[in-house]
Amino acid sequence: MRGKLENIAAYNLDSYLSQYKDRLLIIDVRSEMEYKEVHIKNAINIPYELFFKKDINLESNRRILVYCSRGGRSIRVAKMLLYKGYSVINVVGGLKEYNGKNIIK
């Protein structure tokens, strides 16, 4: 399987989610506490550290959208998932740059 990495700006996230919502697995790589405070609708929480402590297998039939607070953790996870063959979308700027309609508080 050959993966693909795409970066999207946080301000484009709403249009991207509405266009591809049924074909995405959305992963918040922040801590559980950060996730509980605020996250993107339909996101699951897999903290950054878990990706490097154990082998995590994800659905390969959907593209994976990853985000964190500012983009640093998510780009590292995105590159690791790309190496494993997944198609990944990284949100540049993370939640700090996102002010859209898909926020759950």
PDB file of N, CA and C in Angstrom:
ATOM      1  N   MET A   1       0.835  -1.186   0.000  1.00  0.00           N
ATOM      2  CA  MET A   1       0.000   0.000   0.000  1.00  0.00           C
ATOM      3  C   MET A   1       0.876   1.244   0.000  1.00  0.00           C
ATOM      4  N   ARG A   2       0.537   2.193  -0.801  1.00  0.00           N
ATOM      5  CA  ARG A   2       1.318   3.412  -0.897  1.00  0.00           C
ATOM      6  C   ARG A   2       0.530   4.566  -0.296  1.00  0.00           C
ATOM      7  N   GLY A   3       1.123   5.253   0.667  1.00  0.00           N
ATOM      8  CA  GLY A   3       0.448   6.347   1.338  1.00  0.00           C
ATOM      9  C   GLY A   3       0.668   7.680   0.650  1.00  0.00           C
ATOM     10  N   LYS A   4      -0.059   8.656   1.140  1.00  0.00           N
ATOM     11  CA  LYS A   4       0.031  10.007   0.617  1.00  0.00           C
ATOM     12  C   LYS A   4      -0.135  10.957   1.792  1.00  0.00           C
ATOM     13  N   LEU A   5       0.670  12.026   1.828  1.00  0.00           N
ATOM     14  CA  LEU A   5       0.560  13.036   2.870  1.00  0.00           C
ATOM     15  C   LEU A   5       0.130  14.350   2.244  1.00  0.00           C
ATOM     16  N   GLU A   6      -0.912  14.919   2.829  1.00  0.00           N
ATOM     17  CA  GLU A   6      -1.438  16.206   2.375  1.00  0.00           C
ATOM     18  C   GLU A   6      -1.512  17.119   3.596  1.00  0.00           C
ATOM     19  N   ASN A   7      -1.169  18.372   3.427  1.00  0.00           N
ATOM     20  CA  ASN A   7      -1.306  19.362   4.484  1.00  0.00           C
ATOM     21  C   ASN A   7      -2.416  20.316   4.106  1.00  0.00           C
ATOM     22  N   ILE A   8      -3.306  20.594   5.070  1.00  0.00           N
ATOM     23  CA  ILE A   8      -4.344  21.597   4.822  1.00  0.00           C
ATOM     24  C   ILE A   8      -4.288  22.639   5.936  1.00  0.00           C
ATOM     25  N   ALA A   9      -4.593  23.856   5.583  1.00  0.00           N
ATOM     26  CA  ALA A   9      -4.629  24.933   6.567  1.00  0.00           C
ATOM     27  C   ALA A   9      -5.878  24.794   7.428  1.00  0.00           C
ATOM     28  N   ALA A  10      -5.762  25.173   8.691  1.00  0.00           N
ATOM     29  CA  ALA A  10      -6.889  25.064   9.616  1.00  0.00           C
ATOM     30  C   ALA A  10      -8.114  25.826   9.119  1.00  0.00           C
ATOM     31  N   TYR A  11      -7.900  26.955   8.454  1.00  0.00           N
ATOM     32  CA  TYR A  11      -9.048  27.738   7.976  1.00  0.00           C
ATOM     33  C   TYR A  11      -9.795  27.052   6.830  1.00  0.00           C
ATOM     34  N   ASN A  12      -9.226  26.025   6.230  1.00  0.00           N
ATOM     35  CA  ASN A  12      -9.901  25.256   5.180  1.00  0.00           C
ATOM     36  C   ASN A  12     -10.575  23.989   5.711  1.00  0.00           C
ATOM     37  N   LEU A  13     -10.474  23.765   7.001  1.00  0.00           N
ATOM     38  CA  LEU A  13     -10.936  22.502   7.572  1.00  0.00           C
ATOM     39  C   LEU A  13     -12.436  22.275   7.412  1.00  0.00           C
ATOM     40  N   ASP A  14     -13.267  23.276   7.646  1.00  0.00           N
ATOM     41  CA  ASP A  14     -14.716  23.085   7.527  1.00  0.00           C
ATOM     42  C   ASP A  14     -15.128  22.624   6.136  1.00  0.00           C
ATOM     43  N   SER A  15     -14.599  23.254   5.105  1.00  0.00           N
ATOM     44  CA  SER A  15     -14.975  22.845   3.749  1.00  0.00           C
ATOM     45  C   SER A  15     -14.451  21.439   3.443  1.00  0.00           C
ATOM     46  N   TYR A  16     -13.272  21.120   3.937  1.00  0.00           N
ATOM     47  CA  TYR A  16     -12.702  19.791   3.727  1.00  0.00           C
ATOM     48  C   TYR A  16     -13.551  18.733   4.429  1.00  0.00           C
ATOM     49  N   LEU A  17     -13.950  19.011   5.678  1.00  0.00           N
ATOM     50  CA  LEU A  17     -14.767  18.053   6.429  1.00  0.00           C
ATOM     51  C   LEU A  17     -16.132  17.846   5.789  1.00  0.00           C
ATOM     52  N   SER A  18     -16.737  18.904   5.294  1.00  0.00           N
ATOM     53  CA  SER A  18     -18.055  18.737   4.670  1.00  0.00           C
ATOM     54  C   SER A  18     -17.953  17.962   3.354  1.00  0.00           C
ATOM     55  N   GLN A  19     -16.857  18.111   2.663  1.00  0.00           N
ATOM     56  CA  GLN A  19     -16.678  17.420   1.383  1.00  0.00           C
ATOM     57  C   GLN A  19     -16.325  15.942   1.556  1.00  0.00           C
ATOM     58  N   TYR A  20     -15.518  15.621   2.574  1.00  0.00           N
ATOM     59  CA  TYR A  20     -14.993  14.257   2.713  1.00  0.00           C
ATOM     60  C   TYR A  20     -15.399  13.551   4.007  1.00  0.00           C
ATOM     61  N   LYS A  21     -16.364  14.075   4.766  1.00  0.00           N
ATOM     62  CA  LYS A  21     -16.657  13.593   6.113  1.00  0.00           C
ATOM     63  C   LYS A  21     -16.844  12.091   6.247  1.00  0.00           C
ATOM     64  N   ASP A  22     -17.489  11.445   5.294  1.00  0.00           N
ATOM     65  CA  ASP A  22     -17.735  10.008   5.397  1.00  0.00           C
ATOM     66  C   ASP A  22     -16.524   9.165   5.020  1.00  0.00           C
ATOM     67  N   ARG A  23     -15.513   9.803   4.485  1.00  0.00           N
ATOM     68  CA  ARG A  23     -14.328   9.068   4.035  1.00  0.00           C
ATOM     69  C   ARG A  23     -13.095   9.348   4.884  1.00  0.00           C
ATOM     70  N   LEU A  24     -13.302   9.979   6.056  1.00  0.00           N
ATOM     71  CA  LEU A  24     -12.181  10.350   6.910  1.00  0.00           C
ATOM     72  C   LEU A  24     -12.247   9.668   8.271  1.00  0.00           C
ATOM     73  N   LEU A  25     -11.096   9.326   8.790  1.00  0.00           N
ATOM     74  CA  LEU A  25     -10.931   8.950  10.182  1.00  0.00           C
ATOM     75  C   LEU A  25     -10.189  10.127  10.808  1.00  0.00           C
ATOM     76  N   ILE A  26     -10.845  10.848  11.726  1.00  0.00           N
ATOM     77  CA  ILE A  26     -10.268  12.054  12.315  1.00  0.00           C
ATOM     78  C   ILE A  26      -9.645  11.697  13.654  1.00  0.00           C
ATOM     79  N   ILE A  27      -8.353  11.994  13.799  1.00  0.00           N
ATOM     80  CA  ILE A  27      -7.628  11.640  15.019  1.00  0.00           C
ATOM     81  C   ILE A  27      -7.020  12.884  15.651  1.00  0.00           C
ATOM     82  N   ASP A  28      -7.376  13.097  16.903  1.00  0.00           N
ATOM     83  CA  ASP A  28      -6.808  14.150  17.739  1.00  0.00           C
ATOM     84  C   ASP A  28      -5.634  13.516  18.480  1.00  0.00           C
ATOM     85  N   VAL A  29      -4.421  14.004  18.259  1.00  0.00           N
ATOM     86  CA  VAL A  29      -3.242  13.390  18.867  1.00  0.00           C
ATOM     87  C   VAL A  29      -2.800  14.108  20.145  1.00  0.00           C
ATOM     88  N   ARG A  30      -3.645  14.995  20.648  1.00  0.00           N
ATOM     89  CA  ARG A  30      -3.338  15.684  21.903  1.00  0.00           C
ATOM     90  C   ARG A  30      -3.626  14.756  23.081  1.00  0.00           C
ATOM     91  N   SER A  31      -3.350  15.223  24.270  1.00  0.00           N
ATOM     92  CA  SER A  31      -3.616  14.414  25.473  1.00  0.00           C
ATOM     93  C   SER A  31      -5.114  14.229  25.675  1.00  0.00           C
ATOM     94  N   GLU A  32      -5.474  13.271  26.492  1.00  0.00           N
ATOM     95  CA  GLU A  32      -6.887  13.023  26.789  1.00  0.00           C
ATOM     96  C   GLU A  32      -7.531  14.252  27.431  1.00  0.00           C
ATOM     97  N   MET A  33      -6.786  14.926  28.303  1.00  0.00           N
ATOM     98  CA  MET A  33      -7.315  16.115  28.969  1.00  0.00           C
ATOM     99  C   MET A  33      -7.586  17.234  27.949  1.00  0.00           C
ATOM    100  N   GLU A  34      -6.658  17.451  27.029  1.00  0.00           N
ATOM    101  CA  GLU A  34      -6.860  18.470  25.992  1.00  0.00           C
ATOM    102  C   GLU A  34      -8.074  18.129  25.128  1.00  0.00           C
ATOM    103  N   TYR A  35      -8.197  16.855  24.782  1.00  0.00           N
ATOM    104  CA  TYR A  35      -9.318  16.388  23.963  1.00  0.00           C
ATOM    105  C   TYR A  35     -10.651  16.648  24.656  1.00  0.00           C
ATOM    106  N   LYS A  36     -10.722  16.349  25.955  1.00  0.00           N
ATOM    107  CA  LYS A  36     -11.969  16.541  26.695  1.00  0.00           C
ATOM    108  C   LYS A  36     -12.381  18.010  26.769  1.00  0.00           C
ATOM    109  N   GLU A  37     -11.415  18.917  26.774  1.00  0.00           N
ATOM    110  CA  GLU A  37     -11.715  20.355  26.826  1.00  0.00           C
ATOM    111  C   GLU A  37     -12.358  20.833  25.533  1.00  0.00           C
ATOM    112  N   VAL A  38     -11.788  20.435  24.408  1.00  0.00           N
ATOM    113  CA  VAL A  38     -12.269  20.860  23.094  1.00  0.00           C
ATOM    114  C   VAL A  38     -11.686  19.933  22.029  1.00  0.00           C
ATOM    115  N   HIS A  39     -12.509  19.579  21.046  1.00  0.00           N
ATOM    116  CA  HIS A  39     -12.027  18.756  19.943  1.00  0.00           C
ATOM    117  C   HIS A  39     -12.918  18.961  18.716  1.00  0.00           C
ATOM    118  N   ILE A  40     -12.494  18.396  17.618  1.00  0.00           N
ATOM    119  CA  ILE A  40     -13.253  18.478  16.376  1.00  0.00           C
ATOM    120  C   ILE A  40     -14.313  17.378  16.377  1.00  0.00           C
ATOM    121  N   LYS A  41     -15.492  17.734  15.926  1.00  0.00           N
ATOM    122  CA  LYS A  41     -16.622  16.806  15.848  1.00  0.00           C
ATOM    123  C   LYS A  41     -16.204  15.511  15.133  1.00  0.00           C
ATOM    124  N   ASN A  42     -16.603  14.384  15.695  1.00  0.00           N
ATOM    125  CA  ASN A  42     -16.342  13.031  15.170  1.00  0.00           C
ATOM    126  C   ASN A  42     -14.891  12.573  15.285  1.00  0.00           C
ATOM    127  N   ALA A  43     -14.067  13.338  15.985  1.00  0.00           N
ATOM    128  CA  ALA A  43     -12.667  12.928  16.167  1.00  0.00           C
ATOM    129  C   ALA A  43     -12.563  11.886  17.274  1.00  0.00           C
ATOM    130  N   ILE A  44     -11.595  11.000  17.116  1.00  0.00           N
ATOM    131  CA  ILE A  44     -11.238  10.086  18.192  1.00  0.00           C
ATOM    132  C   ILE A  44      -9.914  10.572  18.768  1.00  0.00           C
ATOM    133  N   ASN A  45      -9.649  10.212  19.996  1.00  0.00           N
ATOM    134  CA  ASN A  45      -8.426  10.646  20.659  1.00  0.00           C
ATOM    135  C   ASN A  45      -7.453   9.490  20.771  1.00  0.00           C
ATOM    136  N   ILE A  46      -6.320   9.634  20.121  1.00  0.00           N
ATOM    137  CA  ILE A  46      -5.189   8.715  20.300  1.00  0.00           C
ATOM    138  C   ILE A  46      -3.993   9.611  20.600  1.00  0.00           C
ATOM    139  N   PRO A  47      -3.625   9.746  21.876  1.00  0.00           N
ATOM    140  CA  PRO A  47      -2.532  10.650  22.230  1.00  0.00           C
ATOM    141  C   PRO A  47      -1.226  10.330  21.498  1.00  0.00           C
ATOM    142  N   TYR A  48      -0.520  11.385  21.184  1.00  0.00           N
ATOM    143  CA  TYR A  48       0.744  11.335  20.440  1.00  0.00           C
ATOM    144  C   TYR A  48       1.670  10.220  20.941  1.00  0.00           C
ATOM    145  N   GLU A  49       1.846  10.148  22.251  1.00  0.00           N
ATOM    146  CA  GLU A  49       2.788   9.199  22.830  1.00  0.00           C
ATOM    147  C   GLU A  49       2.454   7.752  22.480  1.00  0.00           C
ATOM    148  N   LEU A  50       1.167   7.439  22.354  1.00  0.00           N
ATOM    149  CA  LEU A  50       0.769   6.057  22.061  1.00  0.00           C
ATOM    150  C   LEU A  50       1.251   5.590  20.693  1.00  0.00           C
ATOM    151  N   PHE A  51       1.351   6.499  19.752  1.00  0.00           N
ATOM    152  CA  PHE A  51       1.814   6.124  18.416  1.00  0.00           C
ATOM    153  C   PHE A  51       3.246   5.608  18.435  1.00  0.00           C
ATOM    154  N   PHE A  52       4.013   6.011  19.425  1.00  0.00           N
ATOM    155  CA  PHE A  52       5.423   5.623  19.486  1.00  0.00           C
ATOM    156  C   PHE A  52       5.700   4.584  20.561  1.00  0.00           C
ATOM    157  N   LYS A  53       4.679   4.229  21.341  1.00  0.00           N
ATOM    158  CA  LYS A  53       4.841   3.214  22.377  1.00  0.00           C
ATOM    159  C   LYS A  53       4.317   1.853  21.949  1.00  0.00           C
ATOM    160  N   LYS A  54       3.318   1.836  21.068  1.00  0.00           N
ATOM    161  CA  LYS A  54       2.780   0.555  20.629  1.00  0.00           C
ATOM    162  C   LYS A  54       2.350   0.656  19.171  1.00  0.00           C
ATOM    163  N   ASP A  55       2.195  -0.498  18.552  1.00  0.00           N
ATOM    164  CA  ASP A  55       1.788  -0.544  17.157  1.00  0.00           C
ATOM    165  C   ASP A  55       0.280  -0.347  17.067  1.00  0.00           C
ATOM    166  N   ILE A  56      -0.122   0.729  16.444  1.00  0.00           N
ATOM    167  CA  ILE A  56      -1.540   1.046  16.315  1.00  0.00           C
ATOM    168  C   ILE A  56      -1.975   0.780  14.882  1.00  0.00           C
ATOM    169  N   ASN A  57      -2.971  -0.068  14.732  1.00  0.00           N
ATOM    170  CA  ASN A  57      -3.515  -0.371  13.408  1.00  0.00           C
ATOM    171  C   ASN A  57      -4.814   0.389  13.216  1.00  0.00           C
ATOM    172  N   LEU A  58      -4.915   1.100  12.110  1.00  0.00           N
ATOM    173  CA  LEU A  58      -6.082   1.922  11.812  1.00  0.00           C
ATOM    174  C   LEU A  58      -6.752   1.418  10.549  1.00  0.00           C
ATOM    175  N   GLU A  59      -7.983   1.858  10.347  1.00  0.00           N
ATOM    176  CA  GLU A  59      -8.702   1.508   9.124  1.00  0.00           C
ATOM    177  C   GLU A  59      -7.917   2.009   7.917  1.00  0.00           C
ATOM    178  N   SER A  60      -7.637   1.132   7.001  1.00  0.00           N
ATOM    179  CA  SER A  60      -6.859   1.539   5.836  1.00  0.00           C
ATOM    180  C   SER A  60      -7.726   1.956   4.657  1.00  0.00           C
ATOM    181  N   ASN A  61      -9.043   1.794   4.774  1.00  0.00           N
ATOM    182  CA  ASN A  61      -9.914   2.156   3.661  1.00  0.00           C
ATOM    183  C   ASN A  61     -10.373   3.615   3.727  1.00  0.00           C
ATOM    184  N   ARG A  62      -9.987   4.327   4.793  1.00  0.00           N
ATOM    185  CA  ARG A  62     -10.323   5.747   4.902  1.00  0.00           C
ATOM    186  C   ARG A  62      -9.041   6.566   5.028  1.00  0.00           C
ATOM    187  N   ARG A  63      -9.108   7.791   4.556  1.00  0.00           N
ATOM    188  CA  ARG A  63      -7.987   8.704   4.762  1.00  0.00           C
ATOM    189  C   ARG A  63      -8.009   9.139   6.217  1.00  0.00           C
ATOM    190  N   ILE A  64      -6.848   9.412   6.745  1.00  0.00           N
ATOM    191  CA  ILE A  64      -6.717   9.765   8.150  1.00  0.00           C
ATOM    192  C   ILE A  64      -6.365  11.245   8.253  1.00  0.00           C
ATOM    193  N   LEU A  65      -7.181  11.993   8.993  1.00  0.00           N
ATOM    194  CA  LEU A  65      -6.917  13.400   9.240  1.00  0.00           C
ATOM    195  C   LEU A  65      -6.416  13.518  10.670  1.00  0.00           C
ATOM    196  N   VAL A  66      -5.226  14.092  10.850  1.00  0.00           N
ATOM    197  CA  VAL A  66      -4.649  14.239  12.185  1.00  0.00           C
ATOM    198  C   VAL A  66      -4.478  15.710  12.521  1.00  0.00           C
ATOM    199  N   TYR A  67      -4.686  16.011  13.806  1.00  0.00           N
ATOM    200  CA  TYR A  67      -4.464  17.376  14.268  1.00  0.00           C
ATOM    201  C   TYR A  67      -4.023  17.363  15.722  1.00  0.00           C
ATOM    202  N   CYS A  68      -3.440  18.481  16.143  1.00  0.00           N
ATOM    203  CA  CYS A  68      -3.059  18.691  17.533  1.00  0.00           C
ATOM    204  C   CYS A  68      -3.318  20.162  17.852  1.00  0.00           C
ATOM    205  N   SER A  69      -2.611  20.720  18.790  1.00  0.00           N
ATOM    206  CA  SER A  69      -2.833  22.120  19.158  1.00  0.00           C
ATOM    207  C   SER A  69      -2.301  23.092  18.111  1.00  0.00           C
ATOM    208  N   ARG A  70      -1.069  22.874  17.657  1.00  0.00           N
ATOM    209  CA  ARG A  70      -0.412  23.813  16.736  1.00  0.00           C
ATOM    210  C   ARG A  70       0.135  23.177  15.459  1.00  0.00           C
ATOM    211  N   GLY A  71       0.213  21.861  15.424  1.00  0.00           N
ATOM    212  CA  GLY A  71       0.679  21.188  14.222  1.00  0.00           C
ATOM    213  C   GLY A  71       1.967  20.402  14.372  1.00  0.00           C
ATOM    214  N   GLY A  72       2.690  20.593  15.462  1.00  0.00           N
ATOM    215  CA  GLY A  72       3.968  19.897  15.660  1.00  0.00           C
ATOM    216  C   GLY A  72       3.823  18.404  15.897  1.00  0.00           C
ATOM    217  N   ARG A  73       2.963  18.027  16.807  1.00  0.00           N
ATOM    218  CA  ARG A  73       2.756  16.600  17.095  1.00  0.00           C
ATOM    219  C   ARG A  73       2.078  15.907  15.925  1.00  0.00           C
ATOM    220  N   SER A  74       1.104  16.581  15.328  1.00  0.00           N
ATOM    221  CA  SER A  74       0.350  15.926  14.255  1.00  0.00           C
ATOM    222  C   SER A  74       1.222  15.659  13.023  1.00  0.00           C
ATOM    223  N   ILE A  75       2.159  16.550  12.689  1.00  0.00           N
ATOM    224  CA  ILE A  75       2.999  16.298  11.509  1.00  0.00           C
ATOM    225  C   ILE A  75       3.914  15.109  11.758  1.00  0.00           C
ATOM    226  N   ARG A  76       4.390  14.928  12.989  1.00  0.00           N
ATOM    227  CA  ARG A  76       5.238  13.761  13.279  1.00  0.00           C
ATOM    228  C   ARG A  76       4.425  12.468  13.173  1.00  0.00           C
ATOM    229  N   VAL A  77       3.207  12.472  13.694  1.00  0.00           N
ATOM    230  CA  VAL A  77       2.338  11.294  13.577  1.00  0.00           C
ATOM    231  C   VAL A  77       1.980  11.062  12.112  1.00  0.00           C
ATOM    232  N   ALA A  78       1.686  12.125  11.381  1.00  0.00           N
ATOM    233  CA  ALA A  78       1.335  11.999   9.955  1.00  0.00           C
ATOM    234  C   ALA A  78       2.463  11.337   9.175  1.00  0.00           C
ATOM    235  N   LYS A  79       3.690  11.745   9.428  1.00  0.00           N
ATOM    236  CA  LYS A  79       4.837  11.157   8.715  1.00  0.00           C
ATOM    237  C   LYS A  79       5.025   9.686   9.084  1.00  0.00           C
ATOM    238  N   MET A  80       4.799   9.353  10.352  1.00  0.00           N
ATOM    239  CA  MET A  80       4.910   7.962  10.771  1.00  0.00           C
ATOM    240  C   MET A  80       3.834   7.106  10.099  1.00  0.00           C
ATOM    241  N   LEU A  81       2.590   7.630  10.038  1.00  0.00           N
ATOM    242  CA  LEU A  81       1.507   6.896   9.381  1.00  0.00           C
ATOM    243  C   LEU A  81       1.751   6.775   7.878  1.00  0.00           C
ATOM    244  N   LEU A  82       2.293   7.818   7.279  1.00  0.00           N
ATOM    245  CA  LEU A  82       2.654   7.773   5.864  1.00  0.00           C
ATOM    246  C   LEU A  82       3.659   6.655   5.606  1.00  0.00           C
ATOM    247  N   TYR A  83       4.657   6.549   6.460  1.00  0.00           N
ATOM    248  CA  TYR A  83       5.668   5.504   6.349  1.00  0.00           C
ATOM    249  C   TYR A  83       5.035   4.115   6.404  1.00  0.00           C
ATOM    250  N   LYS A  84       3.950   3.987   7.183  1.00  0.00           N
ATOM    251  CA  LYS A  84       3.251   2.702   7.298  1.00  0.00           C
ATOM    252  C   LYS A  84       2.294   2.456   6.134  1.00  0.00           C
ATOM    253  N   GLY A  85       2.152   3.429   5.233  1.00  0.00           N
ATOM    254  CA  GLY A  85       1.341   3.227   4.047  1.00  0.00           C
ATOM    255  C   GLY A  85      -0.030   3.872   4.057  1.00  0.00           C
ATOM    256  N   TYR A  86      -0.351   4.621   5.090  1.00  0.00           N
ATOM    257  CA  TYR A  86      -1.653   5.282   5.168  1.00  0.00           C
ATOM    258  C   TYR A  86      -1.661   6.581   4.364  1.00  0.00           C
ATOM    259  N   SER A  87      -2.834   6.975   3.906  1.00  0.00           N
ATOM    260  CA  SER A  87      -3.028   8.290   3.301  1.00  0.00           C
ATOM    261  C   SER A  87      -3.454   9.232   4.417  1.00  0.00           C
ATOM    262  N   VAL A  88      -2.700  10.302   4.606  1.00  0.00           N
ATOM    263  CA  VAL A  88      -2.856  11.148   5.779  1.00  0.00           C
ATOM    264  C   VAL A  88      -3.010  12.614   5.393  1.00  0.00           C
ATOM    265  N   ILE A  89      -3.882  13.305   6.131  1.00  0.00           N
ATOM    266  CA  ILE A  89      -4.041  14.750   5.999  1.00  0.00           C
ATOM    267  C   ILE A  89      -3.653  15.359   7.337  1.00  0.00           C
ATOM    268  N   ASN A  90      -2.722  16.301   7.319  1.00  0.00           N
ATOM    269  CA  ASN A  90      -2.286  16.998   8.517  1.00  0.00           C
ATOM    270  C   ASN A  90      -2.873  18.407   8.527  1.00  0.00           C
ATOM    271  N   VAL A  91      -3.414  18.827   9.678  1.00  0.00           N
ATOM    272  CA  VAL A  91      -3.978  20.168   9.811  1.00  0.00           C
ATOM    273  C   VAL A  91      -2.872  21.115  10.289  1.00  0.00           C
ATOM    274  N   VAL A  92      -2.415  21.969   9.380  1.00  0.00           N
ATOM    275  CA  VAL A  92      -1.357  22.926   9.684  1.00  0.00           C
ATOM    276  C   VAL A  92      -1.925  24.022  10.585  1.00  0.00           C
ATOM    277  N   GLY A  93      -1.261  24.272  11.688  1.00  0.00           N
ATOM    278  CA  GLY A  93      -1.720  25.286  12.632  1.00  0.00           C
ATOM    279  C   GLY A  93      -2.566  24.729  13.751  1.00  0.00           C
ATOM    280  N   GLY A  94      -3.102  23.526  13.563  1.00  0.00           N
ATOM    281  CA  GLY A  94      -3.873  22.847  14.598  1.00  0.00           C
ATOM    282  C   GLY A  94      -5.089  23.613  15.091  1.00  0.00           C
ATOM    283  N   LEU A  95      -5.553  23.235  16.263  1.00  0.00           N
ATOM    284  CA  LEU A  95      -6.754  23.851  16.827  1.00  0.00           C
ATOM    285  C   LEU A  95      -6.556  25.322  17.174  1.00  0.00           C
ATOM    286  N   LYS A  96      -5.329  25.747  17.412  1.00  0.00           N
ATOM    287  CA  LYS A  96      -5.072  27.163  17.728  1.00  0.00           C
ATOM    288  C   LYS A  96      -5.469  28.069  16.570  1.00  0.00           C
ATOM    289  N   GLU A  97      -5.424  27.545  15.347  1.00  0.00           N
ATOM    290  CA  GLU A  97      -5.753  28.333  14.157  1.00  0.00           C
ATOM    291  C   GLU A  97      -7.157  28.066  13.633  1.00  0.00           C
ATOM    292  N   TYR A  98      -7.856  27.134  14.265  1.00  0.00           N
ATOM    293  CA  TYR A  98      -9.175  26.743  13.767  1.00  0.00           C
ATOM    294  C   TYR A  98     -10.290  27.421  14.561  1.00  0.00           C
ATOM    295  N   ASN A  99     -11.189  28.081  13.870  1.00  0.00           N
ATOM    296  CA  ASN A  99     -12.337  28.745  14.507  1.00  0.00           C
ATOM    297  C   ASN A  99     -13.635  28.362  13.813  1.00  0.00           C
ATOM    298  N   GLY A 100     -13.722  27.144  13.347  1.00  0.00           N
ATOM    299  CA  GLY A 100     -14.859  26.730  12.538  1.00  0.00           C
ATOM    300  C   GLY A 100     -16.036  26.174  13.301  1.00  0.00           C
ATOM    301  N   LYS A 101     -16.970  25.636  12.538  1.00  0.00           N
ATOM    302  CA  LYS A 101     -18.247  25.159  13.082  1.00  0.00           C
ATOM    303  C   LYS A 101     -18.191  23.734  13.635  1.00  0.00           C
ATOM    304  N   ASN A 102     -17.095  23.028  13.461  1.00  0.00           N
ATOM    305  CA  ASN A 102     -16.998  21.637  13.894  1.00  0.00           C
ATOM    306  C   ASN A 102     -16.315  21.440  15.239  1.00  0.00           C
ATOM    307  N   ILE A 103     -16.313  22.470  16.055  1.00  0.00           N
ATOM    308  CA  ILE A 103     -15.696  22.398  17.396  1.00  0.00           C
ATOM    309  C   ILE A 103     -16.715  21.875  18.398  1.00  0.00           C
ATOM    310  N   ILE A 104     -16.274  20.933  19.226  1.00  0.00           N
ATOM    311  CA  ILE A 104     -17.075  20.413  20.325  1.00  0.00           C
ATOM    312  C   ILE A 104     -16.384  20.831  21.621  1.00  0.00           C
ATOM    313  N   LYS A 105     -17.115  21.560  22.461  1.00  0.00           N
ATOM    314  CA  LYS A 105     -16.549  22.003  23.753  1.00  0.00           C
ATOM    315  C   LYS A 105     -17.271  21.326  24.900  1.00  0.00           C
TER     316      LYS A 105
END
